[in-house]
Amino acid sequence: MGTEEDKKLIIENLKAKTTKTKFYLHDFNKMFPEKRPREVSKLVNGMVTEGILEYWSSGSTTMIGLKGAGLQHGVEENEE
C-alpha cells in the first residue's frame, strides 16, 4: 500500500467509528499489522502535520483523532 492509500484507510476507519472519536497510537498500529510501529507513527504524525488528524491530551495521555471531530470541539467553540 502506498502512503495515500494508507491515509485513506485511516480516514475511512476513523469515520466508520460512530461511538469513539479519539484513539491511541496502538489502535493505528492494528490497522497496519504488516508495518512496523515506527512506520505507522511517522504516517500518523505526518497526517497531524498536514492538518488531517489532531492530537488530544487529557493531561495524562495523548490520543489522536480526525481534526474537528469529537464533543470537545462543540464545547470549545461555545467558550470563545
PDB file of N, CA and C in Angstrom:
ATOM      1  N   MET A   1       0.836  -1.191   0.000  1.00  0.00           N
ATOM      2  CA  MET A   1       0.000   0.000   0.000  1.00  0.00           C
ATOM      3  C   MET A   1       0.872   1.242   0.000  1.00  0.00           C
ATOM      4  N   GLY A   2       0.470   2.234  -0.742  1.00  0.00           N
ATOM      5  CA  GLY A   2       1.188   3.494  -0.763  1.00  0.00           C
ATOM      6  C   GLY A   2       0.700   4.419   0.332  1.00  0.00           C
ATOM      7  N   THR A   3       1.382   5.512   0.500  1.00  0.00           N
ATOM      8  CA  THR A   3       1.055   6.454   1.563  1.00  0.00           C
ATOM      9  C   THR A   3      -0.354   7.013   1.415  1.00  0.00           C
ATOM     10  N   GLU A   4      -0.744   7.401   0.207  1.00  0.00           N
ATOM     11  CA  GLU A   4      -2.086   7.962   0.010  1.00  0.00           C
ATOM     12  C   GLU A   4      -3.170   6.941   0.324  1.00  0.00           C
ATOM     13  N   GLU A   5      -2.947   5.680  -0.054  1.00  0.00           N
ATOM     14  CA  GLU A   5      -3.913   4.627   0.255  1.00  0.00           C
ATOM     15  C   GLU A   5      -3.985   4.395   1.760  1.00  0.00           C
ATOM     16  N   ASP A   6      -2.822   4.468   2.426  1.00  0.00           N
ATOM     17  CA  ASP A   6      -2.778   4.302   3.883  1.00  0.00           C
ATOM     18  C   ASP A   6      -3.567   5.418   4.574  1.00  0.00           C
ATOM     19  N   LYS A   7      -3.379   6.639   4.101  1.00  0.00           N
ATOM     20  CA  LYS A   7      -4.102   7.778   4.681  1.00  0.00           C
ATOM     21  C   LYS A   7      -5.598   7.607   4.488  1.00  0.00           C
ATOM     22  N   LYS A   8      -5.994   7.178   3.305  1.00  0.00           N
ATOM     23  CA  LYS A   8      -7.415   6.972   3.015  1.00  0.00           C
ATOM     24  C   LYS A   8      -7.994   5.895   3.929  1.00  0.00           C
ATOM     25  N   LEU A   9      -7.237   4.821   4.162  1.00  0.00           N
ATOM     26  CA  LEU A   9      -7.686   3.748   5.051  1.00  0.00           C
ATOM     27  C   LEU A   9      -7.881   4.272   6.475  1.00  0.00           C
ATOM     28  N   ILE A  10      -6.952   5.084   6.952  1.00  0.00           N
ATOM     29  CA  ILE A  10      -7.073   5.651   8.300  1.00  0.00           C
ATOM     30  C   ILE A  10      -8.327   6.522   8.399  1.00  0.00           C
ATOM     31  N   ILE A  11      -8.521   7.405   7.442  1.00  0.00           N
ATOM     32  CA  ILE A  11      -9.675   8.305   7.466  1.00  0.00           C
ATOM     33  C   ILE A  11     -10.978   7.509   7.431  1.00  0.00           C
ATOM     34  N   GLU A  12     -11.058   6.518   6.559  1.00  0.00           N
ATOM     35  CA  GLU A  12     -12.265   5.700   6.464  1.00  0.00           C
ATOM     36  C   GLU A  12     -12.538   4.959   7.767  1.00  0.00           C
ATOM     37  N   ASN A  13     -11.483   4.411   8.380  1.00  0.00           N
ATOM     38  CA  ASN A  13     -11.647   3.695   9.649  1.00  0.00           C
ATOM     39  C   ASN A  13     -12.124   4.624  10.751  1.00  0.00           C
ATOM     40  N   LEU A  14     -11.576   5.821  10.819  1.00  0.00           N
ATOM     41  CA  LEU A  14     -11.973   6.755  11.870  1.00  0.00           C
ATOM     42  C   LEU A  14     -13.402   7.248  11.661  1.00  0.00           C
ATOM     43  N   LYS A  15     -13.785   7.493  10.420  1.00  0.00           N
ATOM     44  CA  LYS A  15     -15.152   7.945  10.138  1.00  0.00           C
ATOM     45  C   LYS A  15     -16.176   6.847  10.405  1.00  0.00           C
ATOM     46  N   ALA A  16     -15.767   5.584  10.273  1.00  0.00           N
ATOM     47  CA  ALA A  16     -16.671   4.457  10.493  1.00  0.00           C
ATOM     48  C   ALA A  16     -16.987   4.253  11.978  1.00  0.00           C
ATOM     49  N   LYS A  17     -16.121   4.751  12.843  1.00  0.00           N
ATOM     50  CA  LYS A  17     -16.333   4.618  14.295  1.00  0.00           C
ATOM     51  C   LYS A  17     -17.312   5.695  14.739  1.00  0.00           C
ATOM     52  N   THR A  18     -18.511   5.288  15.122  1.00  0.00           N
ATOM     53  CA  THR A  18     -19.529   6.272  15.481  1.00  0.00           C
ATOM     54  C   THR A  18     -19.555   6.597  16.966  1.00  0.00           C
ATOM     55  N   THR A  19     -19.009   5.729  17.806  1.00  0.00           N
ATOM     56  CA  THR A  19     -19.088   5.976  19.242  1.00  0.00           C
ATOM     57  C   THR A  19     -17.777   6.489  19.833  1.00  0.00           C
ATOM     58  N   LYS A  20     -16.719   6.472  19.057  1.00  0.00           N
ATOM     59  CA  LYS A  20     -15.406   6.871  19.570  1.00  0.00           C
ATOM     60  C   LYS A  20     -14.743   7.784  18.546  1.00  0.00           C
ATOM     61  N   THR A  21     -14.176   8.903  19.011  1.00  0.00           N
ATOM     62  CA  THR A  21     -13.546   9.841  18.081  1.00  0.00           C
ATOM     63  C   THR A  21     -12.050   9.993  18.306  1.00  0.00           C
ATOM     64  N   LYS A  22     -11.534   9.514  19.418  1.00  0.00           N
ATOM     65  CA  LYS A  22     -10.100   9.643  19.721  1.00  0.00           C
ATOM     66  C   LYS A  22      -9.511   8.254  19.950  1.00  0.00           C
ATOM     67  N   PHE A  23      -8.280   8.059  19.460  1.00  0.00           N
ATOM     68  CA  PHE A  23      -7.660   6.748  19.501  1.00  0.00           C
ATOM     69  C   PHE A  23      -6.211   6.847  19.947  1.00  0.00           C
ATOM     70  N   TYR A  24      -5.732   5.759  20.550  1.00  0.00           N
ATOM     71  CA  TYR A  24      -4.325   5.654  20.923  1.00  0.00           C
ATOM     72  C   TYR A  24      -3.518   5.278  19.686  1.00  0.00           C
ATOM     73  N   LEU A  25      -2.236   5.553  19.717  1.00  0.00           N
ATOM     74  CA  LEU A  25      -1.376   5.213  18.591  1.00  0.00           C
ATOM     75  C   LEU A  25      -1.408   3.708  18.314  1.00  0.00           C
ATOM     76  N   HIS A  26      -1.487   2.886  19.357  1.00  0.00           N
ATOM     77  CA  HIS A  26      -1.502   1.435  19.132  1.00  0.00           C
ATOM     78  C   HIS A  26      -2.749   0.991  18.365  1.00  0.00           C
ATOM     79  N   ASP A  27      -3.829   1.780  18.395  1.00  0.00           N
ATOM     80  CA  ASP A  27      -5.013   1.461  17.589  1.00  0.00           C
ATOM     81  C   ASP A  27      -4.691   1.601  16.095  1.00  0.00           C
ATOM     82  N   PHE A  28      -3.862   2.563  15.752  1.00  0.00           N
ATOM     83  CA  PHE A  28      -3.457   2.739  14.360  1.00  0.00           C
ATOM     84  C   PHE A  28      -2.519   1.615  13.935  1.00  0.00           C
ATOM     85  N   ASN A  29      -1.687   1.132  14.857  1.00  0.00           N
ATOM     86  CA  ASN A  29      -0.799   0.014  14.543  1.00  0.00           C
ATOM     87  C   ASN A  29      -1.603  -1.223  14.159  1.00  0.00           C
ATOM     88  N   LYS A  30      -2.770  -1.415  14.769  1.00  0.00           N
ATOM     89  CA  LYS A  30      -3.614  -2.565  14.460  1.00  0.00           C
ATOM     90  C   LYS A  30      -4.175  -2.490  13.037  1.00  0.00           C
ATOM     91  N   MET A  31      -4.304  -1.290  12.491  1.00  0.00           N
ATOM     92  CA  MET A  31      -4.803  -1.134  11.123  1.00  0.00           C
ATOM     93  C   MET A  31      -3.771  -1.614  10.100  1.00  0.00           C
ATOM     94  N   PHE A  32      -2.493  -1.600  10.497  1.00  0.00           N
ATOM     95  CA  PHE A  32      -1.405  -1.953   9.592  1.00  0.00           C
ATOM     96  C   PHE A  32      -0.500  -3.006  10.230  1.00  0.00           C
ATOM     97  N   PRO A  33      -0.989  -4.228  10.388  1.00  0.00           N
ATOM     98  CA  PRO A  33      -0.169  -5.254  11.063  1.00  0.00           C
ATOM     99  C   PRO A  33       1.118  -5.598  10.314  1.00  0.00           C
ATOM    100  N   GLU A  34       1.165  -5.302   9.017  1.00  0.00           N
ATOM    101  CA  GLU A  34       2.355  -5.615   8.233  1.00  0.00           C
ATOM    102  C   GLU A  34       3.440  -4.544   8.357  1.00  0.00           C
ATOM    103  N   LYS A  35       3.110  -3.394   8.937  1.00  0.00           N
ATOM    104  CA  LYS A  35       4.076  -2.304   9.083  1.00  0.00           C
ATOM    105  C   LYS A  35       4.653  -2.284  10.495  1.00  0.00           C
ATOM    106  N   ARG A  36       5.873  -1.779  10.590  1.00  0.00           N
ATOM    107  CA  ARG A  36       6.489  -1.604  11.898  1.00  0.00           C
ATOM    108  C   ARG A  36       5.821  -0.415  12.598  1.00  0.00           C
ATOM    109  N   PRO A  37       5.739  -0.431  13.914  1.00  0.00           N
ATOM    110  CA  PRO A  37       5.116   0.679  14.650  1.00  0.00           C
ATOM    111  C   PRO A  37       5.713   2.046  14.311  1.00  0.00           C
ATOM    112  N   ARG A  38       7.009   2.107  14.069  1.00  0.00           N
ATOM    113  CA  ARG A  38       7.648   3.383  13.740  1.00  0.00           C
ATOM    114  C   ARG A  38       7.124   3.935  12.415  1.00  0.00           C
ATOM    115  N   GLU A  39       6.879   3.060  11.444  1.00  0.00           N
ATOM    116  CA  GLU A  39       6.335   3.490  10.153  1.00  0.00           C
ATOM    117  C   GLU A  39       4.933   4.079  10.320  1.00  0.00           C
ATOM    118  N   VAL A  40       4.130   3.417  11.138  1.00  0.00           N
ATOM    119  CA  VAL A  40       2.766   3.894  11.385  1.00  0.00           C
ATOM    120  C   VAL A  40       2.807   5.224  12.121  1.00  0.00           C
ATOM    121  N   SER A  41       3.703   5.343  13.090  1.00  0.00           N
ATOM    122  CA  SER A  41       3.846   6.584  13.839  1.00  0.00           C
ATOM    123  C   SER A  41       4.209   7.737  12.906  1.00  0.00           C
ATOM    124  N   LYS A  42       5.132   7.516  11.979  1.00  0.00           N
ATOM    125  CA  LYS A  42       5.528   8.559  11.035  1.00  0.00           C
ATOM    126  C   LYS A  42       4.357   8.952  10.137  1.00  0.00           C
ATOM    127  N   LEU A  43       3.559   7.968   9.715  1.00  0.00           N
ATOM    128  CA  LEU A  43       2.391   8.242   8.879  1.00  0.00           C
ATOM    129  C   LEU A  43       1.377   9.096   9.636  1.00  0.00           C
ATOM    130  N   VAL A  44       1.070   8.704  10.870  1.00  0.00           N
ATOM    131  CA  VAL A  44       0.099   9.437  11.684  1.00  0.00           C
ATOM    132  C   VAL A  44       0.611  10.847  11.992  1.00  0.00           C
ATOM    133  N   ASN A  45       1.878  10.979  12.374  1.00  0.00           N
ATOM    134  CA  ASN A  45       2.449  12.300  12.654  1.00  0.00           C
ATOM    135  C   ASN A  45       2.415  13.187  11.417  1.00  0.00           C
ATOM    136  N   GLY A  46       2.651  12.605  10.257  1.00  0.00           N
ATOM    137  CA  GLY A  46       2.564  13.362   9.008  1.00  0.00           C
ATOM    138  C   GLY A  46       1.154  13.864   8.750  1.00  0.00           C
ATOM    139  N   MET A  47       0.169  13.043   9.078  1.00  0.00           N
ATOM    140  CA  MET A  47      -1.230  13.446   8.900  1.00  0.00           C
ATOM    141  C   MET A  47      -1.611  14.554   9.880  1.00  0.00           C
ATOM    142  N   VAL A  48      -1.017  14.550  11.062  1.00  0.00           N
ATOM    143  CA  VAL A  48      -1.236  15.634  12.023  1.00  0.00           C
ATOM    144  C   VAL A  48      -0.626  16.924  11.471  1.00  0.00           C
ATOM    145  N   THR A  49       0.571  16.835  10.932  1.00  0.00           N
ATOM    146  CA  THR A  49       1.247  17.993  10.351  1.00  0.00           C
ATOM    147  C   THR A  49       0.435  18.579   9.189  1.00  0.00           C
ATOM    148  N   GLU A  50      -0.182  17.708   8.399  1.00  0.00           N
ATOM    149  CA  GLU A  50      -0.996  18.150   7.264  1.00  0.00           C
ATOM    150  C   GLU A  50      -2.344  18.727   7.701  1.00  0.00           C
ATOM    151  N   GLY A  51      -2.723  18.512   8.947  1.00  0.00           N
ATOM    152  CA  GLY A  51      -3.994  19.029   9.442  1.00  0.00           C
ATOM    153  C   GLY A  51      -5.161  18.087   9.239  1.00  0.00           C
ATOM    154  N   ILE A  52      -4.896  16.839   8.902  1.00  0.00           N
ATOM    155  CA  ILE A  52      -5.956  15.846   8.725  1.00  0.00           C
ATOM    156  C   ILE A  52      -6.362  15.277  10.075  1.00  0.00           C
ATOM    157  N   LEU A  53      -5.364  14.980  10.896  1.00  0.00           N
ATOM    158  CA  LEU A  53      -5.588  14.453  12.246  1.00  0.00           C
ATOM    159  C   LEU A  53      -5.120  15.489  13.247  1.00  0.00           C
ATOM    160  N   GLU A  54      -5.500  15.284  14.510  1.00  0.00           N
ATOM    161  CA  GLU A  54      -5.038  16.170  15.572  1.00  0.00           C
ATOM    162  C   GLU A  54      -4.803  15.374  16.838  1.00  0.00           C
ATOM    163  N   TYR A  55      -3.907  15.893  17.661  1.00  0.00           N
ATOM    164  CA  TYR A  55      -3.650  15.306  18.966  1.00  0.00           C
ATOM    165  C   TYR A  55      -4.652  15.863  19.959  1.00  0.00           C
ATOM    166  N   TRP A  56      -4.993  15.042  20.949  1.00  0.00           N
ATOM    167  CA  TRP A  56      -5.836  15.468  22.045  1.00  0.00           C
ATOM    168  C   TRP A  56      -5.212  14.917  23.317  1.00  0.00           C
ATOM    169  N   SER A  57      -5.077  15.744  24.327  1.00  0.00           N
ATOM    170  CA  SER A  57      -4.457  15.306  25.566  1.00  0.00           C
ATOM    171  C   SER A  57      -5.369  15.563  26.749  1.00  0.00           C
ATOM    172  N   SER A  58      -5.450  14.570  27.618  1.00  0.00           N
ATOM    173  CA  SER A  58      -6.210  14.727  28.852  1.00  0.00           C
ATOM    174  C   SER A  58      -5.305  15.224  29.970  1.00  0.00           C
ATOM    175  N   GLY A  59      -4.041  15.336  29.685  1.00  0.00           N
ATOM    176  CA  GLY A  59      -3.061  15.708  30.698  1.00  0.00           C
ATOM    177  C   GLY A  59      -2.221  14.507  31.087  1.00  0.00           C
ATOM    178  N   SER A  60      -2.815  13.327  31.051  1.00  0.00           N
ATOM    179  CA  SER A  60      -2.060  12.129  31.399  1.00  0.00           C
ATOM    180  C   SER A  60      -1.858  11.196  30.215  1.00  0.00           C
ATOM    181  N   THR A  61      -2.619  11.396  29.165  1.00  0.00           N
ATOM    182  CA  THR A  61      -2.487  10.556  27.980  1.00  0.00           C
ATOM    183  C   THR A  61      -2.756  11.377  26.728  1.00  0.00           C
ATOM    184  N   THR A  62      -2.181  10.954  25.640  1.00  0.00           N
ATOM    185  CA  THR A  62      -2.386  11.640  24.360  1.00  0.00           C
ATOM    186  C   THR A  62      -3.095  10.699  23.406  1.00  0.00           C
ATOM    187  N   MET A  63      -4.119  11.223  22.763  1.00  0.00           N
ATOM    188  CA  MET A  63      -4.872  10.443  21.793  1.00  0.00           C
ATOM    189  C   MET A  63      -4.891  11.203  20.471  1.00  0.00           C
ATOM    190  N   ILE A  64      -5.339  10.527  19.427  1.00  0.00           N
ATOM    191  CA  ILE A  64      -5.341  11.101  18.091  1.00  0.00           C
ATOM    192  C   ILE A  64      -6.701  10.888  17.465  1.00  0.00           C
ATOM    193  N   GLY A  65      -7.199  11.894  16.749  1.00  0.00           N
ATOM    194  CA  GLY A  65      -8.479  11.767  16.073  1.00  0.00           C
ATOM    195  C   GLY A  65      -8.535  12.667  14.856  1.00  0.00           C
ATOM    196  N   LEU A  66      -9.625  12.551  14.113  1.00  0.00           N
ATOM    197  CA  LEU A  66      -9.829  13.425  12.961  1.00  0.00           C
ATOM    198  C   LEU A  66      -9.958  14.864  13.438  1.00  0.00           C
ATOM    199  N   LYS A  67      -9.357  15.769  12.736  1.00  0.00           N
ATOM    200  CA  LYS A  67      -9.411  17.182  13.110  1.00  0.00           C
ATOM    201  C   LYS A  67     -10.862  17.656  13.059  1.00  0.00           C
ATOM    202  N   GLY A  68     -11.317  18.278  14.144  1.00  0.00           N
ATOM    203  CA  GLY A  68     -12.667  18.811  14.217  1.00  0.00           C
ATOM    204  C   GLY A  68     -13.717  17.825  14.669  1.00  0.00           C
ATOM    205  N   ALA A  69     -13.337  16.579  14.900  1.00  0.00           N
ATOM    206  CA  ALA A  69     -14.310  15.573  15.340  1.00  0.00           C
ATOM    207  C   ALA A  69     -14.266  15.435  16.856  1.00  0.00           C
ATOM    208  N   GLY A  70     -15.411  15.179  17.434  1.00  0.00           N
ATOM    209  CA  GLY A  70     -15.465  14.934  18.871  1.00  0.00           C
ATOM    210  C   GLY A  70     -16.251  15.991  19.608  1.00  0.00           C
ATOM    211  N   LEU A  71     -16.700  15.632  20.782  1.00  0.00           N
ATOM    212  CA  LEU A  71     -17.537  16.515  21.583  1.00  0.00           C
ATOM    213  C   LEU A  71     -16.818  17.773  22.045  1.00  0.00           C
ATOM    214  N   GLN A  72     -15.524  17.687  22.326  1.00  0.00           N
ATOM    215  CA  GLN A  72     -14.805  18.844  22.858  1.00  0.00           C
ATOM    216  C   GLN A  72     -14.820  20.010  21.886  1.00  0.00           C
ATOM    217  N   HIS A  73     -14.949  19.771  20.595  1.00  0.00           N
ATOM    218  CA  HIS A  73     -14.939  20.873  19.628  1.00  0.00           C
ATOM    219  C   HIS A  73     -16.191  21.730  19.768  1.00  0.00           C
ATOM    220  N   GLY A  74     -17.324  21.146  20.037  1.00  0.00           N
ATOM    221  CA  GLY A  74     -18.535  21.916  20.270  1.00  0.00           C
ATOM    222  C   GLY A  74     -18.432  22.748  21.519  1.00  0.00           C
ATOM    223  N   VAL A  75     -17.832  22.223  22.554  1.00  0.00           N
ATOM    224  CA  VAL A  75     -17.653  22.942  23.813  1.00  0.00           C
ATOM    225  C   VAL A  75     -16.668  24.084  23.624  1.00  0.00           C
ATOM    226  N   GLU A  76     -15.541  23.828  22.970  1.00  0.00           N
ATOM    227  CA  GLU A  76     -14.526  24.850  22.777  1.00  0.00           C
ATOM    228  C   GLU A  76     -15.042  26.011  21.936  1.00  0.00           C
ATOM    229  N   GLU A  77     -15.839  25.722  20.922  1.00  0.00           N
ATOM    230  CA  GLU A  77     -16.370  26.772  20.076  1.00  0.00           C
ATOM    231  C   GLU A  77     -17.347  27.671  20.832  1.00  0.00           C
ATOM    232  N   ASN A  78     -18.108  27.089  21.762  1.00  0.00           N
ATOM    233  CA  ASN A  78     -19.074  27.867  22.538  1.00  0.00           C
ATOM    234  C   ASN A  78     -18.408  28.737  23.590  1.00  0.00           C
ATOM    235  N   GLU A  79     -17.194  28.387  23.996  1.00  0.00           N
ATOM    236  CA  GLU A  79     -16.495  29.141  25.029  1.00  0.00           C
ATOM    237  C   GLU A  79     -15.856  30.414  24.474  1.00  0.00           C
ATOM    238  N   GLU A  80     -15.622  30.482  23.190  1.00  0.00           N
ATOM    239  CA  GLU A  80     -14.917  31.637  22.604  1.00  0.00           C
ATOM    240  C   GLU A  80     -15.754  32.856  22.535  1.00  0.00           C
TER     241      GLU A  80
END
